[in-house]
Amino acid sequence: MKKLFAFYCRDGEHSAIFREHSHDALIEHFAEHGKDFAVAGPMVKGDKIVGSLLVIKAVDESDARAKLEAIPYFSVGVWQSIRVDEFQPLFGDWAASLAEEAKHG
């Protein structure tokens, strides 16, 4: 059974440049590996991207970290800090579908 892991990734000082140069690779990565993610996208303040939130489907935290580290933004250093916790959806619009999908892999 797969679990969900929420990664809270904060951008570094030069992240905008790194994002710009690796955006096409990011799009290609998600086209190929999108099924590994319950949700993924940028966090913003006004019109500035300040980080990313990714909820990754994986058998354990090690598997989830490997999937995160395969993302082009990881290898080029977009994120200056990364926090991860197992996520157990209980309430809200997508909670039931995320929990069911994680259960069935």
Protein backbone atom coordinates (compact mmCIF):
# COMPACT_ATOMS: atom_id res chain seq x y z
CA MET A 1 0.00 0.00 0.00
CA LYS A 2 1.33 3.42 -0.92
CA LYS A 3 1.43 6.32 1.51
CA LEU A 4 1.41 10.05 0.86
CA PHE A 5 4.36 12.29 1.74
CA ALA A 6 4.07 16.08 1.72
CA PHE A 7 7.23 17.96 0.75
CA TYR A 8 7.36 21.64 1.63
CA CYS A 9 10.19 23.09 -0.45
CA ARG A 10 11.32 26.71 0.00
CA ASP A 11 13.18 28.48 -2.78
CA GLY A 12 16.69 29.87 -2.41
CA GLU A 13 18.09 33.25 -3.37
CA HIS A 14 18.66 32.48 -7.09
CA SER A 15 15.77 30.07 -7.57
CA ALA A 16 14.00 32.14 -10.21
CA ILE A 17 16.98 31.75 -12.55
CA PHE A 18 17.29 28.03 -11.80
CA ARG A 19 13.54 27.53 -12.37
CA GLU A 20 13.70 29.34 -15.69
CA HIS A 21 16.62 27.25 -16.98
CA SER A 22 15.14 23.90 -15.92
CA HIS A 23 11.42 24.49 -16.60
CA ASP A 24 11.30 22.44 -19.81
CA ALA A 25 13.00 19.51 -18.07
CA LEU A 26 10.47 19.81 -15.23
CA ILE A 27 7.55 19.61 -17.66
CA GLU A 28 9.08 16.54 -19.32
CA HIS A 29 9.65 14.92 -15.93
CA PHE A 30 6.02 15.38 -14.86
CA ALA A 31 4.76 14.14 -18.23
CA GLU A 32 6.61 10.89 -17.57
CA HIS A 33 6.25 10.59 -13.77
CA GLY A 34 3.07 12.53 -13.00
CA LYS A 35 1.35 9.41 -11.65
CA ASP A 36 3.76 9.49 -8.67
CA PHE A 37 2.20 12.73 -7.41
CA ALA A 38 -1.13 13.36 -5.71
CA VAL A 39 -0.58 17.08 -6.25
CA ALA A 40 2.37 19.34 -7.06
CA GLY A 41 2.76 23.01 -7.72
CA PRO A 42 4.32 26.33 -6.81
CA MET A 43 3.69 28.33 -3.66
CA VAL A 44 3.46 32.07 -4.29
CA LYS A 45 3.47 35.42 -2.53
CA GLY A 46 1.86 37.92 -4.85
CA ASP A 47 3.43 37.31 -8.24
CA LYS A 48 6.62 35.70 -6.88
CA ILE A 49 7.16 31.95 -6.59
CA VAL A 50 8.56 31.21 -3.11
CA GLY A 51 8.61 27.41 -3.15
CA SER A 52 6.82 24.22 -4.08
CA LEU A 53 4.38 21.87 -2.40
CA LEU A 54 4.50 18.26 -3.57
CA VAL A 55 2.46 15.36 -2.24
CA ILE A 56 4.20 12.21 -3.44
CA LYS A 57 2.75 8.68 -3.52
CA ALA A 58 5.34 6.17 -2.28
CA VAL A 59 5.76 2.98 -0.27
CA ASP A 60 7.90 4.76 2.35
CA GLU A 61 9.77 8.02 2.97
CA SER A 62 12.93 6.73 1.30
CA ASP A 63 10.97 5.97 -1.88
CA ALA A 64 9.32 9.40 -1.72
CA ARG A 65 12.69 11.13 -1.30
CA ALA A 66 14.06 9.27 -4.33
CA LYS A 67 11.11 10.51 -6.39
CA LEU A 68 11.69 14.07 -5.15
CA GLU A 69 15.41 13.90 -5.93
CA ALA A 70 14.59 12.82 -9.51
CA ILE A 71 12.80 16.14 -10.13
CA PRO A 72 15.02 18.50 -12.19
CA TYR A 73 14.45 21.37 -9.73
CA PHE A 74 16.15 19.27 -7.04
CA SER A 75 19.33 18.63 -9.00
CA VAL A 76 19.78 22.26 -10.10
CA GLY A 77 19.28 23.58 -6.57
CA VAL A 78 15.99 25.47 -6.81
CA TRP A 79 15.06 24.65 -3.22
CA GLN A 80 17.17 25.84 -0.28
CA SER A 81 15.18 23.91 2.32
CA ILE A 82 12.95 20.86 2.20
CA ARG A 83 10.68 19.50 4.92
CA VAL A 84 8.79 16.23 4.62
CA ASP A 85 6.09 14.53 6.63
CA GLU A 86 3.77 11.66 5.92
CA PHE A 87 0.39 13.08 4.97
CA GLN A 88 -2.87 11.40 5.93
CA PRO A 89 -5.77 13.22 4.27
CA LEU A 90 -8.93 13.30 6.37
CA PHE A 91 -11.07 16.25 5.30
CA GLY A 92 -11.65 18.48 2.31
CA ASP A 93 -12.45 18.19 -1.36
CA TRP A 94 -9.68 15.78 -2.28
CA ALA A 95 -9.19 13.89 0.98
CA ALA A 96 -11.32 10.85 0.14
CA SER A 97 -9.97 10.44 -3.39
CA LEU A 98 -6.33 10.85 -2.26
CA ALA A 99 -6.75 8.32 0.53
CA GLU A 100 -8.45 5.85 -1.79
CA GLU A 101 -5.84 6.28 -4.52
CA ALA A 102 -2.99 5.80 -2.05
CA LYS A 103 -4.64 2.64 -0.76
CA HIS A 104 -4.82 1.12 -4.24
CA GLY A 105 -1.43 2.30 -5.39
